């Protein structure tokens, strides 16, 4: 189980350093808890990815999508996939992350991972399901041969990432 460094951003998505958030040594039972990537829920993992995208690509300072595209670097792509790899180590217990059974109707979307299509298709599913789980559009580096791994060879993934990020931004604007 990988530990989070004291000066790393807290994976809970707060934007604080881990030592100032969940890494607080005097945490009370109702306060911050010691945190490893394995203790994060699906929602918390999603928030970590969203915050990582915003931080790594400095989206708050970007005037438009063209500026983000011009500034993107292989190191930024590598950094994002390192976050994905930390969130989803090979020993992750996926079953424990699924919601507990209940009375709501749930669906698992395993279709096209292009973000613009996900939004359209998930909207259709929402007519029939109370909750919809969507697969992560980022490939898990742990599950890839080294020659195709985005951490080892981020340049191969730059165009794919631009497509994913661009579609996501267009979908949510």
N, C-alpha and C. Protein backbone atom coordinates (compact mmCIF):
# COMPACT_ATOMS: atom_id res chain seq x y z
N UNK A 1 0.84 -1.16 0.00
CA UNK A 1 0.00 0.00 0.00
C UNK A 1 0.90 1.24 0.00
N UNK A 2 0.74 2.11 -0.94
CA UNK A 2 1.60 3.28 -1.07
C UNK A 2 1.15 4.39 -0.13
N UNK A 3 2.11 4.96 0.58
CA UNK A 3 1.82 6.07 1.49
C UNK A 3 1.94 7.38 0.74
N UNK A 4 1.17 8.36 1.17
CA UNK A 4 1.21 9.70 0.61
C UNK A 4 2.30 10.47 1.35
N UNK A 5 3.16 11.22 0.64
CA UNK A 5 4.19 12.03 1.27
C UNK A 5 3.59 13.21 2.02
N UNK A 6 4.24 13.65 3.11
CA UNK A 6 3.72 14.74 3.93
C UNK A 6 3.54 16.03 3.14
N UNK A 7 4.40 16.29 2.16
CA UNK A 7 4.32 17.53 1.40
C UNK A 7 3.56 17.37 0.08
N UNK A 8 3.05 16.16 -0.19
CA UNK A 8 2.21 15.96 -1.38
C UNK A 8 0.85 16.60 -1.13
N UNK A 9 0.15 16.94 -2.21
CA UNK A 9 -1.22 17.41 -2.04
C UNK A 9 -2.07 16.26 -1.51
N UNK A 10 -2.98 16.59 -0.64
CA UNK A 10 -3.83 15.56 -0.04
C UNK A 10 -4.74 14.95 -1.11
N UNK A 11 -4.79 13.63 -1.20
CA UNK A 11 -5.63 12.98 -2.20
C UNK A 11 -7.13 13.17 -1.99
N UNK A 12 -7.54 13.75 -0.87
CA UNK A 12 -8.97 13.95 -0.64
C UNK A 12 -9.53 15.05 -1.53
N UNK A 13 -8.64 15.80 -2.21
CA UNK A 13 -9.12 16.84 -3.11
C UNK A 13 -9.25 18.21 -2.47
N UNK A 14 -8.80 18.36 -1.23
CA UNK A 14 -8.94 19.63 -0.53
C UNK A 14 -8.04 20.72 -1.10
N UNK A 15 -6.95 20.32 -1.76
CA UNK A 15 -5.99 21.28 -2.27
C UNK A 15 -4.89 21.60 -1.25
N UNK A 16 -5.02 21.09 -0.03
CA UNK A 16 -4.01 21.30 1.01
C UNK A 16 -2.92 20.24 0.91
N UNK A 17 -1.78 20.55 1.52
CA UNK A 17 -0.75 19.52 1.64
C UNK A 17 -1.28 18.45 2.59
N UNK A 18 -0.85 17.21 2.36
CA UNK A 18 -1.30 16.08 3.18
C UNK A 18 -1.06 16.34 4.67
N UNK A 19 0.11 16.92 5.02
CA UNK A 19 0.43 17.15 6.43
C UNK A 19 -0.52 18.14 7.09
N UNK A 20 -1.17 19.01 6.30
CA UNK A 20 -2.10 19.99 6.86
C UNK A 20 -3.55 19.51 6.79
N UNK A 21 -3.77 18.36 6.18
CA UNK A 21 -5.14 17.87 6.01
C UNK A 21 -5.28 16.52 6.72
N UNK A 22 -5.30 15.43 5.96
CA UNK A 22 -5.49 14.11 6.54
C UNK A 22 -4.23 13.57 7.22
N UNK A 23 -3.09 14.19 7.04
CA UNK A 23 -1.86 13.74 7.67
C UNK A 23 -1.62 14.35 9.04
N UNK A 24 -2.60 15.07 9.57
CA UNK A 24 -2.46 15.70 10.87
C UNK A 24 -2.27 14.63 11.94
N UNK A 25 -1.14 14.69 12.69
CA UNK A 25 -0.88 13.63 13.68
C UNK A 25 -1.88 13.60 14.82
N UNK A 26 -2.50 14.72 15.17
CA UNK A 26 -3.44 14.75 16.29
C UNK A 26 -4.89 14.66 15.82
N UNK A 27 -5.13 13.89 14.76
CA UNK A 27 -6.48 13.74 14.24
C UNK A 27 -7.37 13.06 15.27
N UNK A 28 -8.58 13.56 15.39
CA UNK A 28 -9.56 12.97 16.31
C UNK A 28 -10.43 12.00 15.52
N UNK A 29 -11.21 11.15 16.21
CA UNK A 29 -12.08 10.22 15.49
C UNK A 29 -13.03 10.93 14.52
N UNK A 30 -13.44 12.16 14.85
CA UNK A 30 -14.35 12.87 13.95
C UNK A 30 -13.60 13.75 12.95
N UNK A 31 -12.29 13.88 13.14
CA UNK A 31 -11.48 14.74 12.27
C UNK A 31 -10.80 13.94 11.17
N UNK A 32 -9.78 14.56 10.57
CA UNK A 32 -9.08 13.91 9.47
C UNK A 32 -8.52 12.55 9.87
N UNK A 33 -8.56 11.61 8.97
CA UNK A 33 -8.05 10.27 9.23
C UNK A 33 -6.75 10.08 8.47
N UNK A 34 -5.85 9.21 8.97
CA UNK A 34 -4.68 8.90 8.19
C UNK A 34 -5.13 8.34 6.84
N UNK A 35 -4.45 8.71 5.79
CA UNK A 35 -4.95 8.43 4.46
C UNK A 35 -3.90 7.74 3.60
N UNK A 36 -4.30 6.67 2.97
CA UNK A 36 -3.50 6.04 1.93
C UNK A 36 -4.40 5.99 0.71
N UNK A 37 -3.84 5.71 -0.43
CA UNK A 37 -4.67 5.66 -1.63
C UNK A 37 -5.75 4.59 -1.51
N UNK A 38 -5.49 3.52 -0.76
CA UNK A 38 -6.47 2.45 -0.63
C UNK A 38 -7.68 2.88 0.19
N UNK A 39 -7.56 3.92 1.01
CA UNK A 39 -8.68 4.32 1.85
C UNK A 39 -9.62 5.29 1.14
N UNK A 40 -9.33 5.65 -0.09
CA UNK A 40 -10.17 6.60 -0.83
C UNK A 40 -11.36 5.90 -1.48
N UNK A 41 -12.51 6.54 -1.43
CA UNK A 41 -13.71 6.04 -2.10
C UNK A 41 -13.61 6.34 -3.59
N UNK A 42 -14.53 5.81 -4.37
CA UNK A 42 -14.57 6.13 -5.80
C UNK A 42 -14.73 7.63 -6.02
N UNK A 43 -15.62 8.25 -5.25
CA UNK A 43 -15.84 9.69 -5.39
C UNK A 43 -14.58 10.48 -5.07
N UNK A 44 -13.89 10.11 -3.98
CA UNK A 44 -12.66 10.80 -3.62
C UNK A 44 -11.59 10.62 -4.70
N UNK A 45 -11.51 9.44 -5.28
CA UNK A 45 -10.54 9.21 -6.36
C UNK A 45 -10.87 10.08 -7.57
N UNK A 46 -12.15 10.20 -7.88
CA UNK A 46 -12.55 11.07 -9.00
C UNK A 46 -12.17 12.52 -8.72
N UNK A 47 -12.39 12.97 -7.50
CA UNK A 47 -12.03 14.34 -7.14
C UNK A 47 -10.53 14.56 -7.22
N UNK A 48 -9.76 13.56 -6.83
CA UNK A 48 -8.30 13.67 -6.93
C UNK A 48 -7.90 13.85 -8.39
N UNK A 49 -8.49 13.06 -9.29
CA UNK A 49 -8.14 13.18 -10.72
C UNK A 49 -8.54 14.55 -11.25
N UNK A 50 -9.75 15.01 -10.93
CA UNK A 50 -10.18 16.33 -11.40
C UNK A 50 -9.27 17.44 -10.89
N UNK A 51 -8.93 17.38 -9.61
CA UNK A 51 -8.04 18.39 -9.04
C UNK A 51 -6.64 18.29 -9.63
N UNK A 52 -6.18 17.07 -9.90
CA UNK A 52 -4.86 16.89 -10.50
C UNK A 52 -4.83 17.50 -11.90
N UNK A 53 -5.87 17.28 -12.68
CA UNK A 53 -5.93 17.86 -14.03
C UNK A 53 -5.86 19.38 -13.94
N UNK A 54 -6.65 19.95 -13.04
CA UNK A 54 -6.67 21.41 -12.90
C UNK A 54 -5.31 21.94 -12.45
N UNK A 55 -4.67 21.24 -11.51
CA UNK A 55 -3.38 21.69 -11.00
C UNK A 55 -2.25 21.47 -12.00
N UNK A 56 -2.16 20.27 -12.52
CA UNK A 56 -1.05 19.92 -13.41
C UNK A 56 -1.05 20.79 -14.66
N UNK A 57 -2.22 21.04 -15.21
CA UNK A 57 -2.31 21.80 -16.46
C UNK A 57 -2.64 23.27 -16.20
N UNK A 58 -2.67 23.66 -14.92
CA UNK A 58 -2.86 25.05 -14.51
C UNK A 58 -4.07 25.68 -15.22
N UNK A 59 -5.18 24.98 -15.16
CA UNK A 59 -6.38 25.41 -15.87
C UNK A 59 -6.94 26.73 -15.35
N UNK A 60 -6.68 27.05 -14.09
CA UNK A 60 -7.20 28.31 -13.53
C UNK A 60 -6.58 29.53 -14.22
N UNK A 61 -5.36 29.39 -14.72
CA UNK A 61 -4.69 30.52 -15.35
C UNK A 61 -4.84 30.53 -16.87
N UNK A 62 -5.44 29.51 -17.42
CA UNK A 62 -5.58 29.43 -18.88
C UNK A 62 -6.73 30.33 -19.35
N UNK A 63 -6.48 31.09 -20.40
CA UNK A 63 -7.52 31.95 -20.97
C UNK A 63 -8.46 31.18 -21.88
N UNK A 64 -7.94 30.17 -22.55
CA UNK A 64 -8.76 29.36 -23.46
C UNK A 64 -8.09 28.00 -23.68
N UNK A 65 -8.83 27.13 -24.35
CA UNK A 65 -8.36 25.78 -24.60
C UNK A 65 -7.10 25.78 -25.46
N UNK A 66 -6.99 26.70 -26.40
CA UNK A 66 -5.80 26.80 -27.25
C UNK A 66 -4.54 27.02 -26.43
N UNK A 67 -4.65 27.83 -25.40
CA UNK A 67 -3.50 28.08 -24.52
C UNK A 67 -3.09 26.80 -23.78
N UNK A 68 -4.06 26.05 -23.30
CA UNK A 68 -3.77 24.79 -22.61
C UNK A 68 -3.06 23.85 -23.58
N UNK A 69 -3.56 23.74 -24.80
CA UNK A 69 -2.96 22.85 -25.79
C UNK A 69 -1.52 23.26 -26.11
N UNK A 70 -1.25 24.55 -26.20
CA UNK A 70 0.10 25.02 -26.52
C UNK A 70 1.08 24.74 -25.39
N UNK A 71 0.60 24.78 -24.14
CA UNK A 71 1.49 24.62 -22.99
C UNK A 71 1.70 23.19 -22.55
N UNK A 72 0.87 22.27 -23.01
CA UNK A 72 0.95 20.89 -22.51
C UNK A 72 2.32 20.29 -22.84
N UNK A 73 2.86 19.58 -21.86
CA UNK A 73 4.18 18.97 -22.06
C UNK A 73 4.12 17.49 -21.71
N UNK A 74 5.15 16.78 -22.15
CA UNK A 74 5.25 15.36 -21.82
C UNK A 74 5.33 15.17 -20.31
N UNK A 75 6.01 16.07 -19.61
CA UNK A 75 6.11 15.95 -18.15
C UNK A 75 4.75 16.08 -17.48
N UNK A 76 3.88 16.94 -18.01
CA UNK A 76 2.53 17.08 -17.45
C UNK A 76 1.72 15.80 -17.68
N UNK A 77 1.84 15.23 -18.85
CA UNK A 77 1.13 13.97 -19.14
C UNK A 77 1.64 12.89 -18.20
N UNK A 78 2.96 12.79 -18.05
CA UNK A 78 3.55 11.80 -17.14
C UNK A 78 3.03 12.02 -15.72
N UNK A 79 3.01 13.26 -15.27
CA UNK A 79 2.56 13.57 -13.90
C UNK A 79 1.11 13.15 -13.67
N UNK A 80 0.25 13.39 -14.66
CA UNK A 80 -1.15 12.99 -14.52
C UNK A 80 -1.26 11.47 -14.41
N UNK A 81 -0.56 10.74 -15.26
CA UNK A 81 -0.64 9.28 -15.20
C UNK A 81 0.03 8.71 -13.96
N UNK A 82 0.97 9.43 -13.36
CA UNK A 82 1.52 9.00 -12.08
C UNK A 82 0.45 9.11 -10.99
N UNK A 83 -0.38 10.14 -11.07
CA UNK A 83 -1.50 10.28 -10.13
C UNK A 83 -2.46 9.10 -10.31
N UNK A 84 -2.80 8.79 -11.56
CA UNK A 84 -3.70 7.66 -11.84
C UNK A 84 -3.10 6.36 -11.30
N UNK A 85 -1.80 6.16 -11.51
CA UNK A 85 -1.14 4.94 -11.02
C UNK A 85 -1.17 4.86 -9.50
N UNK A 86 -0.99 5.99 -8.80
CA UNK A 86 -1.04 5.98 -7.33
C UNK A 86 -2.46 5.70 -6.83
N UNK A 87 -3.45 6.20 -7.56
CA UNK A 87 -4.84 5.98 -7.15
C UNK A 87 -5.32 4.54 -7.36
N UNK A 88 -4.77 3.88 -8.35
CA UNK A 88 -5.23 2.55 -8.72
C UNK A 88 -4.09 1.54 -8.75
N UNK A 89 -3.45 1.27 -7.58
CA UNK A 89 -2.39 0.27 -7.57
C UNK A 89 -2.95 -1.10 -7.93
N UNK A 90 -2.09 -2.01 -8.38
CA UNK A 90 -2.57 -3.34 -8.81
C UNK A 90 -3.33 -4.11 -7.74
N UNK A 91 -3.06 -3.85 -6.46
CA UNK A 91 -3.74 -4.60 -5.41
C UNK A 91 -5.05 -3.96 -4.95
N UNK A 92 -5.56 -2.99 -5.71
CA UNK A 92 -6.81 -2.34 -5.34
C UNK A 92 -7.96 -3.34 -5.31
N UNK A 93 -8.70 -3.33 -4.24
CA UNK A 93 -9.87 -4.21 -4.10
C UNK A 93 -11.07 -3.49 -4.72
N UNK A 94 -11.30 -3.74 -6.00
CA UNK A 94 -12.37 -3.04 -6.72
C UNK A 94 -13.75 -3.34 -6.15
N UNK A 95 -13.98 -4.56 -5.74
CA UNK A 95 -15.30 -4.93 -5.21
C UNK A 95 -15.64 -4.11 -3.97
N UNK A 96 -14.66 -3.85 -3.13
CA UNK A 96 -14.93 -3.08 -1.91
C UNK A 96 -15.28 -1.62 -2.21
N UNK A 97 -14.93 -1.15 -3.39
CA UNK A 97 -15.23 0.24 -3.76
C UNK A 97 -16.63 0.41 -4.34
N UNK A 98 -17.24 -0.68 -4.73
CA UNK A 98 -18.59 -0.59 -5.30
C UNK A 98 -19.60 -0.24 -4.21
N UNK A 99 -20.65 0.47 -4.59
CA UNK A 99 -21.68 0.81 -3.59
C UNK A 99 -22.33 -0.45 -3.04
N UNK A 100 -22.76 -0.37 -1.78
CA UNK A 100 -23.44 -1.51 -1.19
C UNK A 100 -24.81 -1.67 -1.84
N UNK A 101 -25.26 -2.90 -1.98
CA UNK A 101 -26.57 -3.11 -2.59
C UNK A 101 -27.68 -2.37 -1.84
N UNK A 102 -28.62 -1.88 -2.59
CA UNK A 102 -29.73 -1.16 -1.98
C UNK A 102 -30.92 -1.17 -2.92
N UNK A 103 -31.84 -0.29 -2.68
CA UNK A 103 -33.07 -0.28 -3.48
C UNK A 103 -32.93 0.54 -4.76
N UNK A 104 -31.83 1.27 -4.93
CA UNK A 104 -31.69 2.07 -6.16
C UNK A 104 -31.21 1.20 -7.31
N UNK A 105 -31.64 1.55 -8.50
CA UNK A 105 -31.25 0.82 -9.71
C UNK A 105 -29.94 1.42 -10.22
N UNK A 106 -28.92 0.56 -10.34
CA UNK A 106 -27.61 1.02 -10.76
C UNK A 106 -27.24 0.43 -12.12
N UNK A 107 -26.43 1.20 -12.84
CA UNK A 107 -25.95 0.74 -14.13
C UNK A 107 -24.44 0.95 -14.19
N UNK A 108 -23.76 0.14 -14.97
CA UNK A 108 -22.33 0.28 -15.20
C UNK A 108 -22.14 0.60 -16.67
N UNK A 109 -21.63 1.80 -16.96
CA UNK A 109 -21.40 2.21 -18.34
C UNK A 109 -20.02 1.74 -18.76
N UNK A 110 -19.96 0.88 -19.79
CA UNK A 110 -18.70 0.36 -20.28
C UNK A 110 -18.55 0.65 -21.77
N UNK A 111 -19.24 1.67 -22.25
CA UNK A 111 -19.19 2.01 -23.67
C UNK A 111 -18.00 2.86 -24.03
N UNK A 112 -18.13 3.61 -25.09
CA UNK A 112 -17.08 4.47 -25.61
C UNK A 112 -16.60 5.41 -24.52
N UNK A 113 -15.27 5.55 -24.37
CA UNK A 113 -14.75 6.42 -23.31
C UNK A 113 -14.45 7.83 -23.79
N UNK A 114 -14.81 8.16 -25.01
CA UNK A 114 -14.67 9.53 -25.47
C UNK A 114 -15.62 10.38 -24.63
N UNK A 115 -15.10 11.39 -23.94
CA UNK A 115 -15.94 12.14 -22.98
C UNK A 115 -17.22 12.73 -23.56
N UNK A 116 -17.19 13.21 -24.80
CA UNK A 116 -18.42 13.79 -25.36
C UNK A 116 -19.48 12.70 -25.56
N UNK A 117 -19.06 11.50 -25.87
CA UNK A 117 -20.02 10.40 -26.03
C UNK A 117 -20.48 9.87 -24.68
N UNK A 118 -19.59 9.87 -23.69
CA UNK A 118 -19.98 9.44 -22.35
C UNK A 118 -21.13 10.29 -21.86
N UNK A 119 -20.99 11.60 -21.99
CA UNK A 119 -22.04 12.51 -21.50
C UNK A 119 -23.38 12.20 -22.19
N UNK A 120 -23.37 12.05 -23.50
CA UNK A 120 -24.61 11.78 -24.23
C UNK A 120 -25.20 10.42 -23.85
N UNK A 121 -24.37 9.39 -23.79
CA UNK A 121 -24.86 8.05 -23.50
C UNK A 121 -25.30 7.89 -22.05
N UNK A 122 -24.54 8.49 -21.14
CA UNK A 122 -24.92 8.39 -19.73
C UNK A 122 -26.22 9.13 -19.49
N UNK A 123 -26.43 10.24 -20.18
CA UNK A 123 -27.70 10.96 -20.05
C UNK A 123 -28.86 10.04 -20.45
N UNK A 124 -28.67 9.28 -21.52
CA UNK A 124 -29.73 8.33 -21.93
C UNK A 124 -29.98 7.28 -20.87
N UNK A 125 -28.89 6.74 -20.30
CA UNK A 125 -29.03 5.73 -19.24
C UNK A 125 -29.73 6.30 -18.02
N UNK A 126 -29.55 7.59 -17.77
CA UNK A 126 -30.12 8.19 -16.57
C UNK A 126 -31.64 8.14 -16.55
N UNK A 127 -32.25 7.92 -17.69
CA UNK A 127 -33.70 7.77 -17.73
C UNK A 127 -34.15 6.47 -17.08
N UNK A 128 -33.24 5.50 -17.02
CA UNK A 128 -33.59 4.16 -16.55
C UNK A 128 -32.91 3.76 -15.25
N UNK A 129 -31.88 4.49 -14.82
CA UNK A 129 -31.12 4.10 -13.64
C UNK A 129 -30.99 5.28 -12.67
N UNK A 130 -30.96 4.94 -11.39
CA UNK A 130 -30.79 5.97 -10.36
C UNK A 130 -29.33 6.41 -10.24
N UNK A 131 -28.43 5.46 -10.41
CA UNK A 131 -27.00 5.73 -10.34
C UNK A 131 -26.31 5.05 -11.50
N UNK A 132 -25.28 5.71 -12.03
CA UNK A 132 -24.52 5.14 -13.14
C UNK A 132 -23.04 5.25 -12.82
N UNK A 133 -22.34 4.13 -12.84
CA UNK A 133 -20.90 4.12 -12.67
C UNK A 133 -20.28 4.15 -14.06
N UNK A 134 -19.32 5.03 -14.23
CA UNK A 134 -18.67 5.20 -15.53
C UNK A 134 -17.20 4.83 -15.37
N UNK A 135 -16.68 4.06 -16.32
CA UNK A 135 -15.26 3.70 -16.24
C UNK A 135 -14.40 4.93 -16.42
N UNK A 136 -13.20 4.89 -15.90
CA UNK A 136 -12.24 6.00 -15.99
C UNK A 136 -11.70 6.09 -17.42
N UNK A 137 -11.73 7.29 -18.03
CA UNK A 137 -11.23 7.40 -19.41
C UNK A 137 -9.71 7.35 -19.51
N UNK A 138 -9.00 7.37 -18.37
CA UNK A 138 -7.55 7.30 -18.41
C UNK A 138 -7.10 5.86 -18.21
N UNK A 139 -6.22 5.40 -19.06
CA UNK A 139 -5.70 4.03 -18.96
C UNK A 139 -4.83 3.90 -17.72
N UNK A 140 -4.89 2.75 -17.07
CA UNK A 140 -4.10 2.52 -15.88
C UNK A 140 -2.69 2.08 -16.29
N UNK A 141 -1.67 2.88 -15.95
CA UNK A 141 -0.30 2.55 -16.35
C UNK A 141 0.20 1.21 -15.81
N UNK A 142 -0.37 0.74 -14.68
CA UNK A 142 0.06 -0.54 -14.13
C UNK A 142 -0.29 -1.70 -15.06
N UNK A 143 -1.27 -1.51 -15.93
CA UNK A 143 -1.78 -2.60 -16.76
C UNK A 143 -1.22 -2.57 -18.18
N UNK A 144 -0.13 -1.84 -18.39
CA UNK A 144 0.38 -1.65 -19.75
C UNK A 144 1.83 -2.09 -19.85
N UNK A 145 2.18 -2.60 -21.04
CA UNK A 145 3.57 -2.92 -21.32
C UNK A 145 4.39 -1.62 -21.27
N UNK A 146 5.63 -1.72 -20.85
CA UNK A 146 6.46 -0.53 -20.66
C UNK A 146 6.56 0.32 -21.93
N UNK A 147 6.63 -0.29 -23.08
CA UNK A 147 6.78 0.48 -24.32
C UNK A 147 5.56 1.34 -24.63
N UNK A 148 4.40 1.00 -24.07
CA UNK A 148 3.18 1.78 -24.30
C UNK A 148 2.76 2.59 -23.07
N UNK A 149 3.49 2.47 -21.99
CA UNK A 149 3.13 3.08 -20.73
C UNK A 149 3.27 4.60 -20.79
N UNK A 150 2.23 5.35 -20.41
CA UNK A 150 2.27 6.81 -20.48
C UNK A 150 3.23 7.46 -19.47
N UNK A 151 3.64 6.73 -18.45
CA UNK A 151 4.63 7.27 -17.52
C UNK A 151 6.02 7.17 -18.14
N UNK A 152 6.28 6.06 -18.81
CA UNK A 152 7.58 5.84 -19.44
C UNK A 152 7.70 6.59 -20.76
N UNK A 153 6.64 6.59 -21.55
CA UNK A 153 6.62 7.23 -22.87
C UNK A 153 5.45 8.20 -23.00
N UNK A 154 5.46 9.33 -22.28
CA UNK A 154 4.31 10.23 -22.29
C UNK A 154 4.04 10.87 -23.64
N UNK A 155 5.05 11.00 -24.47
CA UNK A 155 4.86 11.62 -25.78
C UNK A 155 3.85 10.88 -26.64
N UNK A 156 3.79 9.56 -26.50
CA UNK A 156 2.82 8.76 -27.25
C UNK A 156 1.39 9.08 -26.82
N UNK A 157 1.22 9.56 -25.61
CA UNK A 157 -0.10 9.77 -25.03
C UNK A 157 -0.55 11.22 -25.08
N UNK A 158 0.30 12.10 -25.52
CA UNK A 158 -0.04 13.52 -25.52
C UNK A 158 -1.28 13.82 -26.36
N UNK A 159 -1.33 13.30 -27.58
CA UNK A 159 -2.48 13.53 -28.46
C UNK A 159 -3.75 12.92 -27.86
N UNK A 160 -3.65 11.73 -27.30
CA UNK A 160 -4.81 11.08 -26.69
C UNK A 160 -5.31 11.91 -25.51
N UNK A 161 -4.37 12.40 -24.71
CA UNK A 161 -4.76 13.20 -23.57
C UNK A 161 -5.41 14.51 -24.00
N UNK A 162 -4.85 15.15 -25.01
CA UNK A 162 -5.45 16.38 -25.52
C UNK A 162 -6.89 16.13 -25.96
N UNK A 163 -7.12 15.00 -26.60
CA UNK A 163 -8.47 14.64 -27.04
C UNK A 163 -9.40 14.46 -25.83
N UNK A 164 -8.94 13.70 -24.82
CA UNK A 164 -9.76 13.47 -23.62
C UNK A 164 -10.05 14.77 -22.89
N UNK A 165 -9.02 15.55 -22.66
CA UNK A 165 -9.20 16.79 -21.92
C UNK A 165 -10.04 17.78 -22.70
N UNK A 166 -9.79 17.90 -24.00
CA UNK A 166 -10.55 18.84 -24.82
C UNK A 166 -12.02 18.50 -24.88
N UNK A 167 -12.32 17.22 -25.03
CA UNK A 167 -13.73 16.81 -25.07
C UNK A 167 -14.40 17.06 -23.74
N UNK A 168 -13.67 16.80 -22.64
CA UNK A 168 -14.24 17.03 -21.31
C UNK A 168 -14.54 18.50 -21.10
N UNK A 169 -13.60 19.36 -21.46
CA UNK A 169 -13.82 20.79 -21.27
C UNK A 169 -14.99 21.28 -22.12
N UNK A 170 -15.07 20.80 -23.35
CA UNK A 170 -16.15 21.22 -24.23
C UNK A 170 -17.50 20.73 -23.70
N UNK A 171 -17.50 19.52 -23.12
CA UNK A 171 -18.74 18.95 -22.61
C UNK A 171 -19.28 19.70 -21.41
N UNK A 172 -18.39 20.27 -20.60
CA UNK A 172 -18.82 20.89 -19.35
C UNK A 172 -18.90 22.40 -19.43
N UNK A 173 -18.63 23.01 -20.59
CA UNK A 173 -18.73 24.46 -20.71
C UNK A 173 -20.09 24.88 -21.17
